[in-house]
Amino acid sequence: MKKLTYEKEESVLRIRMVNRDRHEITFEILNKAISGKRKTELMREVGLSYTQSQIYLGELTKKGLLEMDKRGCYKTTSRGLEFLEKCKECPLFRWEKRSKSK
């Protein structure tokens, strides 16, 4: 395995630290929760703080895009899946991150 030099490590970190808007965060949460995830799993995988997760999960649940099952796992509802499909079809948004190559 090749060891990254300091310059390469720094550029990799810069690529990962991208500011996301609320639409991107919502999309990521709904996408990760399709199979059902606990709050801490979603926080870690989406990269949210506890406070952010409280806000987003509360709002998405209130709007009917997420639901909590008996085990305490958040799962994307049929309405949430419909929302994801419409987001993917929308030509105004590019949901996939593109890495910058030098």
PDB file of N, CA and C in Angstrom:
ATOM      1  N   MET A   1       0.843  -1.177   0.000  1.00  0.00           N
ATOM      2  CA  MET A   1       0.000   0.000   0.000  1.00  0.00           C
ATOM      3  C   MET A   1       0.890   1.242   0.000  1.00  0.00           C
ATOM      4  N   LYS A   2       0.586   2.176  -0.881  1.00  0.00           N
ATOM      5  CA  LYS A   2       1.377   3.402  -0.981  1.00  0.00           C
ATOM      6  C   LYS A   2       1.030   4.344   0.162  1.00  0.00           C
ATOM      7  N   LYS A   3       2.065   4.975   0.670  1.00  0.00           N
ATOM      8  CA  LYS A   3       1.847   5.964   1.717  1.00  0.00           C
ATOM      9  C   LYS A   3       1.612   7.325   1.065  1.00  0.00           C
ATOM     10  N   LEU A   4       0.577   8.014   1.503  1.00  0.00           N
ATOM     11  CA  LEU A   4       0.281   9.331   0.972  1.00  0.00           C
ATOM     12  C   LEU A   4       1.264  10.351   1.524  1.00  0.00           C
ATOM     13  N   THR A   5       1.687  11.243   0.676  1.00  0.00           N
ATOM     14  CA  THR A   5       2.529  12.328   1.156  1.00  0.00           C
ATOM     15  C   THR A   5       1.633  13.347   1.858  1.00  0.00           C
ATOM     16  N   TYR A   6       2.246  14.273   2.562  1.00  0.00           N
ATOM     17  CA  TYR A   6       1.483  15.285   3.296  1.00  0.00           C
ATOM     18  C   TYR A   6       0.578  16.079   2.361  1.00  0.00           C
ATOM     19  N   GLU A   7       1.096  16.455   1.189  1.00  0.00           N
ATOM     20  CA  GLU A   7       0.307  17.256   0.246  1.00  0.00           C
ATOM     21  C   GLU A   7      -0.924  16.497  -0.210  1.00  0.00           C
ATOM     22  N   LYS A   8      -0.745  15.210  -0.515  1.00  0.00           N
ATOM     23  CA  LYS A   8      -1.885  14.422  -0.965  1.00  0.00           C
ATOM     24  C   LYS A   8      -2.891  14.223   0.155  1.00  0.00           C
ATOM     25  N   GLU A   9      -2.415  13.970   1.365  1.00  0.00           N
ATOM     26  CA  GLU A   9      -3.323  13.809   2.503  1.00  0.00           C
ATOM     27  C   GLU A   9      -4.152  15.064   2.710  1.00  0.00           C
ATOM     28  N   GLU A  10      -3.506  16.218   2.609  1.00  0.00           N
ATOM     29  CA  GLU A  10      -4.198  17.485   2.822  1.00  0.00           C
ATOM     30  C   GLU A  10      -5.278  17.692   1.760  1.00  0.00           C
ATOM     31  N   SER A  11      -5.000  17.363   0.501  1.00  0.00           N
ATOM     32  CA  SER A  11      -5.995  17.551  -0.553  1.00  0.00           C
ATOM     33  C   SER A  11      -7.157  16.575  -0.391  1.00  0.00           C
ATOM     34  N   VAL A  12      -6.869  15.357   0.088  1.00  0.00           N
ATOM     35  CA  VAL A  12      -7.935  14.391   0.334  1.00  0.00           C
ATOM     36  C   VAL A  12      -8.845  14.909   1.436  1.00  0.00           C
ATOM     37  N   LEU A  13      -8.276  15.468   2.493  1.00  0.00           N
ATOM     38  CA  LEU A  13      -9.080  16.025   3.575  1.00  0.00           C
ATOM     39  C   LEU A  13      -9.921  17.192   3.092  1.00  0.00           C
ATOM     40  N   ARG A  14      -9.351  18.031   2.247  1.00  0.00           N
ATOM     41  CA  ARG A  14     -10.088  19.183   1.726  1.00  0.00           C
ATOM     42  C   ARG A  14     -11.285  18.729   0.902  1.00  0.00           C
ATOM     43  N   ILE A  15     -11.125  17.658   0.125  1.00  0.00           N
ATOM     44  CA  ILE A  15     -12.227  17.153  -0.694  1.00  0.00           C
ATOM     45  C   ILE A  15     -13.345  16.630   0.194  1.00  0.00           C
ATOM     46  N   ARG A  16     -12.999  15.952   1.291  1.00  0.00           N
ATOM     47  CA  ARG A  16     -14.008  15.382   2.180  1.00  0.00           C
ATOM     48  C   ARG A  16     -14.748  16.449   2.973  1.00  0.00           C
ATOM     49  N   MET A  17     -14.106  17.572   3.237  1.00  0.00           N
ATOM     50  CA  MET A  17     -14.714  18.618   4.040  1.00  0.00           C
ATOM     51  C   MET A  17     -15.445  19.617   3.142  1.00  0.00           C
ATOM     52  N   VAL A  18     -16.519  19.159   2.536  1.00  0.00           N
ATOM     53  CA  VAL A  18     -17.301  19.983   1.627  1.00  0.00           C
ATOM     54  C   VAL A  18     -18.545  20.461   2.365  1.00  0.00           C
ATOM     55  N   ASN A  19     -18.857  21.721   2.233  1.00  0.00           N
ATOM     56  CA  ASN A  19     -20.086  22.236   2.833  1.00  0.00           C
ATOM     57  C   ASN A  19     -21.274  21.699   2.061  1.00  0.00           C
ATOM     58  N   ARG A  20     -22.260  21.227   2.808  1.00  0.00           N
ATOM     59  CA  ARG A  20     -23.461  20.679   2.187  1.00  0.00           C
ATOM     60  C   ARG A  20     -24.643  21.542   2.579  1.00  0.00           C
ATOM     61  N   ASP A  21     -25.603  21.648   1.677  1.00  0.00           N
ATOM     62  CA  ASP A  21     -26.814  22.374   2.042  1.00  0.00           C
ATOM     63  C   ASP A  21     -27.821  21.385   2.628  1.00  0.00           C
ATOM     64  N   ARG A  22     -28.928  21.906   3.106  1.00  0.00           N
ATOM     65  CA  ARG A  22     -29.902  21.060   3.787  1.00  0.00           C
ATOM     66  C   ARG A  22     -30.524  20.014   2.863  1.00  0.00           C
ATOM     67  N   HIS A  23     -30.585  20.314   1.564  1.00  0.00           N
ATOM     68  CA  HIS A  23     -31.141  19.343   0.613  1.00  0.00           C
ATOM     69  C   HIS A  23     -30.223  18.132   0.481  1.00  0.00           C
ATOM     70  N   GLU A  24     -28.929  18.371   0.404  1.00  0.00           N
ATOM     71  CA  GLU A  24     -27.971  17.278   0.311  1.00  0.00           C
ATOM     72  C   GLU A  24     -27.985  16.421   1.569  1.00  0.00           C
ATOM     73  N   ILE A  25     -28.070  17.060   2.726  1.00  0.00           N
ATOM     74  CA  ILE A  25     -28.102  16.323   3.986  1.00  0.00           C
ATOM     75  C   ILE A  25     -29.373  15.489   4.074  1.00  0.00           C
ATOM     76  N   THR A  26     -30.490  16.079   3.695  1.00  0.00           N
ATOM     77  CA  THR A  26     -31.766  15.357   3.688  1.00  0.00           C
ATOM     78  C   THR A  26     -31.689  14.157   2.764  1.00  0.00           C
ATOM     79  N   PHE A  27     -31.153  14.354   1.566  1.00  0.00           N
ATOM     80  CA  PHE A  27     -31.012  13.278   0.598  1.00  0.00           C
ATOM     81  C   PHE A  27     -30.154  12.151   1.168  1.00  0.00           C
ATOM     82  N   GLU A  28     -29.036  12.497   1.795  1.00  0.00           N
ATOM     83  CA  GLU A  28     -28.141  11.488   2.367  1.00  0.00           C
ATOM     84  C   GLU A  28     -28.819  10.710   3.490  1.00  0.00           C
ATOM     85  N   ILE A  29     -29.529  11.397   4.364  1.00  0.00           N
ATOM     86  CA  ILE A  29     -30.211  10.725   5.471  1.00  0.00           C
ATOM     87  C   ILE A  29     -31.225   9.726   4.927  1.00  0.00           C
ATOM     88  N   LEU A  30     -32.070  10.186   4.004  1.00  0.00           N
ATOM     89  CA  LEU A  30     -33.106   9.306   3.460  1.00  0.00           C
ATOM     90  C   LEU A  30     -32.494   8.126   2.711  1.00  0.00           C
ATOM     91  N   ASN A  31     -31.418   8.378   2.007  1.00  0.00           N
ATOM     92  CA  ASN A  31     -30.761   7.320   1.243  1.00  0.00           C
ATOM     93  C   ASN A  31     -30.150   6.271   2.175  1.00  0.00           C
ATOM     94  N   LYS A  32     -29.512   6.698   3.247  1.00  0.00           N
ATOM     95  CA  LYS A  32     -28.880   5.773   4.202  1.00  0.00           C
ATOM     96  C   LYS A  32     -29.924   5.012   5.015  1.00  0.00           C
ATOM     97  N   ALA A  33     -31.084   5.612   5.251  1.00  0.00           N
ATOM     98  CA  ALA A  33     -32.100   5.008   6.113  1.00  0.00           C
ATOM     99  C   ALA A  33     -33.034   4.058   5.371  1.00  0.00           C
ATOM    100  N   ILE A  34     -32.788   3.793   4.112  1.00  0.00           N
ATOM    101  CA  ILE A  34     -33.659   2.896   3.346  1.00  0.00           C
ATOM    102  C   ILE A  34     -33.725   1.520   4.016  1.00  0.00           C
ATOM    103  N   SER A  35     -32.586   1.013   4.440  1.00  0.00           N
ATOM    104  CA  SER A  35     -32.544  -0.317   5.060  1.00  0.00           C
ATOM    105  C   SER A  35     -32.841  -0.274   6.554  1.00  0.00           C
ATOM    106  N   GLY A  36     -32.941   0.908   7.139  1.00  0.00           N
ATOM    107  CA  GLY A  36     -33.195   1.066   8.570  1.00  0.00           C
ATOM    108  C   GLY A  36     -31.894   1.214   9.334  1.00  0.00           C
ATOM    109  N   LYS A  37     -31.728   2.326  10.020  1.00  0.00           N
ATOM    110  CA  LYS A  37     -30.502   2.605  10.777  1.00  0.00           C
ATOM    111  C   LYS A  37     -30.851   3.255  12.100  1.00  0.00           C
ATOM    112  N   ARG A  38     -30.036   2.989  13.094  1.00  0.00           N
ATOM    113  CA  ARG A  38     -30.170   3.666  14.383  1.00  0.00           C
ATOM    114  C   ARG A  38     -29.647   5.097  14.251  1.00  0.00           C
ATOM    115  N   LYS A  39     -30.030   5.939  15.202  1.00  0.00           N
ATOM    116  CA  LYS A  39     -29.654   7.350  15.157  1.00  0.00           C
ATOM    117  C   LYS A  39     -28.133   7.530  15.107  1.00  0.00           C
ATOM    118  N   THR A  40     -27.410   6.791  15.934  1.00  0.00           N
ATOM    119  CA  THR A  40     -25.948   6.957  15.968  1.00  0.00           C
ATOM    120  C   THR A  40     -25.304   6.525  14.654  1.00  0.00           C
ATOM    121  N   GLU A  41     -25.846   5.489  14.019  1.00  0.00           N
ATOM    122  CA  GLU A  41     -25.321   5.059  12.720  1.00  0.00           C
ATOM    123  C   GLU A  41     -25.520   6.153  11.673  1.00  0.00           C
ATOM    124  N   LEU A  42     -26.721   6.727  11.656  1.00  0.00           N
ATOM    125  CA  LEU A  42     -26.998   7.813  10.708  1.00  0.00           C
ATOM    126  C   LEU A  42     -26.103   9.018  10.977  1.00  0.00           C
ATOM    127  N   MET A  43     -25.938   9.359  12.247  1.00  0.00           N
ATOM    128  CA  MET A  43     -25.085  10.495  12.593  1.00  0.00           C
ATOM    129  C   MET A  43     -23.676  10.289  12.052  1.00  0.00           C
ATOM    130  N   ARG A  44     -23.135   9.102  12.261  1.00  0.00           N
ATOM    131  CA  ARG A  44     -21.771   8.809  11.843  1.00  0.00           C
ATOM    132  C   ARG A  44     -21.648   8.745  10.314  1.00  0.00           C
ATOM    133  N   GLU A  45     -22.573   8.048   9.663  1.00  0.00           N
ATOM    134  CA  GLU A  45     -22.477   7.870   8.216  1.00  0.00           C
ATOM    135  C   GLU A  45     -22.743   9.150   7.429  1.00  0.00           C
ATOM    136  N   VAL A  46     -23.623   9.989   7.934  1.00  0.00           N
ATOM    137  CA  VAL A  46     -23.961  11.231   7.239  1.00  0.00           C
ATOM    138  C   VAL A  46     -23.054  12.367   7.695  1.00  0.00           C
ATOM    139  N   GLY A  47     -22.441  12.216   8.870  1.00  0.00           N
ATOM    140  CA  GLY A  47     -21.535  13.237   9.378  1.00  0.00           C
ATOM    141  C   GLY A  47     -22.260  14.387  10.048  1.00  0.00           C
ATOM    142  N   LEU A  48     -23.166  14.046  10.957  1.00  0.00           N
ATOM    143  CA  LEU A  48     -23.946  15.055  11.668  1.00  0.00           C
ATOM    144  C   LEU A  48     -23.595  15.077  13.142  1.00  0.00           C
ATOM    145  N   SER A  49     -23.735  16.229  13.744  1.00  0.00           N
ATOM    146  CA  SER A  49     -23.591  16.326  15.196  1.00  0.00           C
ATOM    147  C   SER A  49     -24.902  15.841  15.822  1.00  0.00           C
ATOM    148  N   TYR A  50     -24.883  15.692  17.141  1.00  0.00           N
ATOM    149  CA  TYR A  50     -26.092  15.265  17.847  1.00  0.00           C
ATOM    150  C   TYR A  50     -27.225  16.268  17.628  1.00  0.00           C
ATOM    151  N   THR A  51     -26.908  17.543  17.759  1.00  0.00           N
ATOM    152  CA  THR A  51     -27.926  18.590  17.594  1.00  0.00           C
ATOM    153  C   THR A  51     -28.498  18.592  16.181  1.00  0.00           C
ATOM    154  N   GLN A  52     -27.615  18.490  15.181  1.00  0.00           N
ATOM    155  CA  GLN A  52     -28.079  18.449  13.795  1.00  0.00           C
ATOM    156  C   GLN A  52     -28.977  17.237  13.552  1.00  0.00           C
ATOM    157  N   SER A  53     -28.585  16.095  14.089  1.00  0.00           N
ATOM    158  CA  SER A  53     -29.388  14.883  13.881  1.00  0.00           C
ATOM    159  C   SER A  53     -30.764  15.031  14.537  1.00  0.00           C
ATOM    160  N   GLN A  54     -30.827  15.646  15.709  1.00  0.00           N
ATOM    161  CA  GLN A  54     -32.110  15.883  16.373  1.00  0.00           C
ATOM    162  C   GLN A  54     -33.031  16.708  15.467  1.00  0.00           C
ATOM    163  N   ILE A  55     -32.471  17.761  14.882  1.00  0.00           N
ATOM    164  CA  ILE A  55     -33.264  18.657  14.034  1.00  0.00           C
ATOM    165  C   ILE A  55     -33.726  17.934  12.768  1.00  0.00           C
ATOM    166  N   TYR A  56     -32.781  17.339  12.040  1.00  0.00           N
ATOM    167  CA  TYR A  56     -33.118  16.698  10.764  1.00  0.00           C
ATOM    168  C   TYR A  56     -34.034  15.499  10.943  1.00  0.00           C
ATOM    169  N   LEU A  57     -33.720  14.612  11.871  1.00  0.00           N
ATOM    170  CA  LEU A  57     -34.546  13.421  12.063  1.00  0.00           C
ATOM    171  C   LEU A  57     -35.941  13.798  12.554  1.00  0.00           C
ATOM    172  N   GLY A  58     -36.028  14.804  13.407  1.00  0.00           N
ATOM    173  CA  GLY A  58     -37.332  15.277  13.880  1.00  0.00           C
ATOM    174  C   GLY A  58     -38.179  15.834  12.742  1.00  0.00           C
ATOM    175  N   GLU A  59     -37.578  16.677  11.917  1.00  0.00           N
ATOM    176  CA  GLU A  59     -38.312  17.281  10.797  1.00  0.00           C
ATOM    177  C   GLU A  59     -38.726  16.239   9.753  1.00  0.00           C
ATOM    178  N   LEU A  60     -37.813  15.341   9.418  1.00  0.00           N
ATOM    179  CA  LEU A  60     -38.130  14.327   8.406  1.00  0.00           C
ATOM    180  C   LEU A  60     -39.205  13.363   8.900  1.00  0.00           C
ATOM    181  N   THR A  61     -39.189  13.081  10.195  1.00  0.00           N
ATOM    182  CA  THR A  61     -40.232  12.225  10.778  1.00  0.00           C
ATOM    183  C   THR A  61     -41.566  12.960  10.789  1.00  0.00           C
ATOM    184  N   LYS A  62     -41.537  14.229  11.172  1.00  0.00           N
ATOM    185  CA  LYS A  62     -42.755  15.046  11.216  1.00  0.00           C
ATOM    186  C   LYS A  62     -43.394  15.179   9.830  1.00  0.00           C
ATOM    187  N   LYS A  63     -42.552  15.272   8.796  1.00  0.00           N
ATOM    188  CA  LYS A  63     -43.062  15.429   7.434  1.00  0.00           C
ATOM    189  C   LYS A  63     -43.435  14.099   6.776  1.00  0.00           C
ATOM    190  N   GLY A  64     -43.212  12.986   7.487  1.00  0.00           N
ATOM    191  CA  GLY A  64     -43.621  11.679   6.966  1.00  0.00           C
ATOM    192  C   GLY A  64     -42.631  11.049   5.995  1.00  0.00           C
ATOM    193  N   LEU A  65     -41.390  11.546   5.972  1.00  0.00           N
ATOM    194  CA  LEU A  65     -40.388  10.978   5.075  1.00  0.00           C
ATOM    195  C   LEU A  65     -39.574   9.882   5.763  1.00  0.00           C
ATOM    196  N   LEU A  66     -39.548   9.918   7.089  1.00  0.00           N
ATOM    197  CA  LEU A  66     -38.873   8.911   7.911  1.00  0.00           C
ATOM    198  C   LEU A  66     -39.852   8.415   8.965  1.00  0.00           C
ATOM    199  N   GLU A  67     -39.623   7.171   9.417  1.00  0.00           N
ATOM    200  CA  GLU A  67     -40.397   6.649  10.533  1.00  0.00           C
ATOM    201  C   GLU A  67     -39.472   5.850  11.433  1.00  0.00           C
ATOM    202  N   MET A  68     -39.841   5.730  12.700  1.00  0.00           N
ATOM    203  CA  MET A  68     -39.057   4.943  13.627  1.00  0.00           C
ATOM    204  C   MET A  68     -39.816   3.644  13.898  1.00  0.00           C
ATOM    205  N   ASP A  69     -39.112   2.519  13.756  1.00  0.00           N
ATOM    206  CA  ASP A  69     -39.764   1.238  13.996  1.00  0.00           C
ATOM    207  C   ASP A  69     -39.694   0.852  15.473  1.00  0.00           C
ATOM    208  N   LYS A  70     -40.168  -0.351  15.809  1.00  0.00           N
ATOM    209  CA  LYS A  70     -40.222  -0.812  17.193  1.00  0.00           C
ATOM    210  C   LYS A  70     -38.839  -0.938  17.822  1.00  0.00           C
ATOM    211  N   ARG A  71     -37.812  -1.209  16.996  1.00  0.00           N
ATOM    212  CA  ARG A  71     -36.443  -1.381  17.495  1.00  0.00           C
ATOM    213  C   ARG A  71     -35.717  -0.060  17.682  1.00  0.00           C
ATOM    214  N   GLY A  72     -36.354   1.038  17.328  1.00  0.00           N
ATOM    215  CA  GLY A  72     -35.713   2.349  17.454  1.00  0.00           C
ATOM    216  C   GLY A  72     -34.875   2.720  16.249  1.00  0.00           C
ATOM    217  N   CYS A  73     -35.093   2.036  15.127  1.00  0.00           N
ATOM    218  CA  CYS A  73     -34.359   2.327  13.888  1.00  0.00           C
ATOM    219  C   CYS A  73     -35.192   3.258  13.015  1.00  0.00           C
ATOM    220  N   TYR A  74     -34.505   4.199  12.386  1.00  0.00           N
ATOM    221  CA  TYR A  74     -35.163   5.092  11.437  1.00  0.00           C
ATOM    222  C   TYR A  74     -35.170   4.427  10.074  1.00  0.00           C
ATOM    223  N   LYS A  75     -36.310   4.499   9.410  1.00  0.00           N
ATOM    224  CA  LYS A  75     -36.458   3.879   8.094  1.00  0.00           C
ATOM    225  C   LYS A  75     -37.171   4.857   7.172  1.00  0.00           C
ATOM    226  N   THR A  76     -36.713   4.914   5.935  1.00  0.00           N
ATOM    227  CA  THR A  76     -37.329   5.783   4.934  1.00  0.00           C
ATOM    228  C   THR A  76     -38.709   5.243   4.579  1.00  0.00           C
ATOM    229  N   THR A  77     -39.708   6.105   4.595  1.00  0.00           N
ATOM    230  CA  THR A  77     -41.077   5.705   4.260  1.00  0.00           C
ATOM    231  C   THR A  77     -41.259   5.673   2.747  1.00  0.00           C
ATOM    232  N   SER A  78     -42.439   5.214   2.304  1.00  0.00           N
ATOM    233  CA  SER A  78     -42.733   5.204   0.870  1.00  0.00           C
ATOM    234  C   SER A  78     -42.741   6.635   0.326  1.00  0.00           C
ATOM    235  N   ARG A  79     -43.203   7.572   1.139  1.00  0.00           N
ATOM    236  CA  ARG A  79     -43.180   8.983   0.739  1.00  0.00           C
ATOM    237  C   ARG A  79     -41.736   9.478   0.611  1.00  0.00           C
ATOM    238  N   GLY A  80     -40.867   9.028   1.520  1.00  0.00           N
ATOM    239  CA  GLY A  80     -39.454   9.370   1.459  1.00  0.00           C
ATOM    240  C   GLY A  80     -38.779   8.789   0.227  1.00  0.00           C
ATOM    241  N   LEU A  81     -39.146   7.553  -0.133  1.00  0.00           N
ATOM    242  CA  LEU A  81     -38.590   6.922  -1.336  1.00  0.00           C
ATOM    243  C   LEU A  81     -39.026   7.672  -2.596  1.00  0.00           C
ATOM    244  N   GLU A  82     -40.275   8.117  -2.594  1.00  0.00           N
ATOM    245  CA  GLU A  82     -40.786   8.915  -3.715  1.00  0.00           C
ATOM    246  C   GLU A  82     -40.006  10.229  -3.826  1.00  0.00           C
ATOM    247  N   PHE A  83     -39.733  10.842  -2.686  1.00  0.00           N
ATOM    248  CA  PHE A  83     -38.939  12.077  -2.651  1.00  0.00           C
ATOM    249  C   PHE A  83     -37.548  11.836  -3.242  1.00  0.00           C
ATOM    250  N   LEU A  84     -36.904  10.727  -2.861  1.00  0.00           N
ATOM    251  CA  LEU A  84     -35.572  10.399  -3.382  1.00  0.00           C
ATOM    252  C   LEU A  84     -35.597  10.228  -4.901  1.00  0.00           C
ATOM    253  N   GLU A  85     -36.606   9.541  -5.401  1.00  0.00           N
ATOM    254  CA  GLU A  85     -36.717   9.330  -6.853  1.00  0.00           C
ATOM    255  C   GLU A  85     -36.874  10.659  -7.593  1.00  0.00           C
ATOM    256  N   LYS A  86     -37.686  11.546  -7.053  1.00  0.00           N
ATOM    257  CA  LYS A  86     -37.874  12.852  -7.695  1.00  0.00           C
ATOM    258  C   LYS A  86     -36.587  13.670  -7.665  1.00  0.00           C
ATOM    259  N   CYS A  87     -35.826  13.556  -6.579  1.00  0.00           N
ATOM    260  CA  CYS A  87     -34.550  14.262  -6.493  1.00  0.00           C
ATOM    261  C   CYS A  87     -33.578  13.755  -7.550  1.00  0.00           C
ATOM    262  N   LYS A  88     -33.552  12.451  -7.751  1.00  0.00           N
ATOM    263  CA  LYS A  88     -32.639  11.856  -8.728  1.00  0.00           C
ATOM    264  C   LYS A  88     -33.001  12.259 -10.156  1.00  0.00           C
ATOM    265  N   GLU A  89     -34.287  12.480 -10.405  1.00  0.00           N
ATOM    266  CA  GLU A  89     -34.754  12.856 -11.739  1.00  0.00           C
ATOM    267  C   GLU A  89     -34.528  14.337 -12.044  1.00  0.00           C
ATOM    268  N   CYS A  90     -34.424  15.155 -11.026  1.00  0.00           N
ATOM    269  CA  CYS A  90     -34.331  16.600 -11.194  1.00  0.00           C
ATOM    270  C   CYS A  90     -32.999  16.987 -11.846  1.00  0.00           C
ATOM    271  N   PRO A  91     -33.042  17.653 -12.996  1.00  0.00           N
ATOM    272  CA  PRO A  91     -31.806  18.024 -13.688  1.00  0.00           C
ATOM    273  C   PRO A  91     -31.047  19.184 -13.033  1.00  0.00           C
ATOM    274  N   LEU A  92     -31.669  19.880 -12.092  1.00  0.00           N
ATOM    275  CA  LEU A  92     -31.018  21.021 -11.451  1.00  0.00           C
ATOM    276  C   LEU A  92     -30.000  20.611 -10.406  1.00  0.00           C
ATOM    277  N   PHE A  93     -30.112  19.384  -9.900  1.00  0.00           N
ATOM    278  CA  PHE A  93     -29.247  18.939  -8.824  1.00  0.00           C
ATOM    279  C   PHE A  93     -28.342  17.813  -9.272  1.00  0.00           C
ATOM    280  N   ARG A  94     -27.122  17.870  -8.800  1.00  0.00           N
ATOM    281  CA  ARG A  94     -26.160  16.782  -8.996  1.00  0.00           C
ATOM    282  C   ARG A  94     -25.860  16.248  -7.607  1.00  0.00           C
ATOM    283  N   TRP A  95     -26.460  15.123  -7.237  1.00  0.00           N
ATOM    284  CA  TRP A  95     -26.349  14.606  -5.886  1.00  0.00           C
ATOM    285  C   TRP A  95     -25.056  13.860  -5.638  1.00  0.00           C
ATOM    286  N   GLU A  96     -24.397  13.441  -6.697  1.00  0.00           N
ATOM    287  CA  GLU A  96     -23.166  12.683  -6.507  1.00  0.00           C
ATOM    288  C   GLU A  96     -21.987  13.632  -6.446  1.00  0.00           C
ATOM    289  N   LYS A  97     -21.134  13.428  -5.455  1.00  0.00           N
ATOM    290  CA  LYS A  97     -19.937  14.273  -5.316  1.00  0.00           C
ATOM    291  C   LYS A  97     -18.937  13.900  -6.391  1.00  0.00           C
ATOM    292  N   ARG A  98     -18.314  14.874  -6.958  1.00  0.00           N
ATOM    293  CA  ARG A  98     -17.260  14.646  -7.947  1.00  0.00           C
ATOM    294  C   ARG A  98     -15.943  15.079  -7.357  1.00  0.00           C
ATOM    295  N   SER A  99     -14.961  14.203  -7.424  1.00  0.00           N
ATOM    296  CA  SER A  99     -13.651  14.560  -6.874  1.00  0.00           C
ATOM    297  C   SER A  99     -12.873  15.351  -7.915  1.00  0.00           C
ATOM    298  N   LYS A 100     -12.124  16.318  -7.428  1.00  0.00           N
ATOM    299  CA  LYS A 100     -11.319  17.143  -8.315  1.00  0.00           C
ATOM    300  C   LYS A 100      -9.988  16.451  -8.552  1.00  0.00           C
ATOM    301  N   SER A 101      -9.630  16.270  -9.811  1.00  0.00           N
ATOM    302  CA  SER A 101      -8.335  15.663 -10.110  1.00  0.00           C
ATOM    303  C   SER A 101      -7.368  16.735 -10.556  1.00  0.00           C
ATOM    304  N   LYS A 102      -6.131  16.582 -10.126  1.00  0.00           N
ATOM    305  CA  LYS A 102      -5.111  17.576 -10.468  1.00  0.00           C
ATOM    306  C   LYS A 102      -4.324  17.131 -11.659  1.00  0.00           C
TER     307      LYS A 102
END
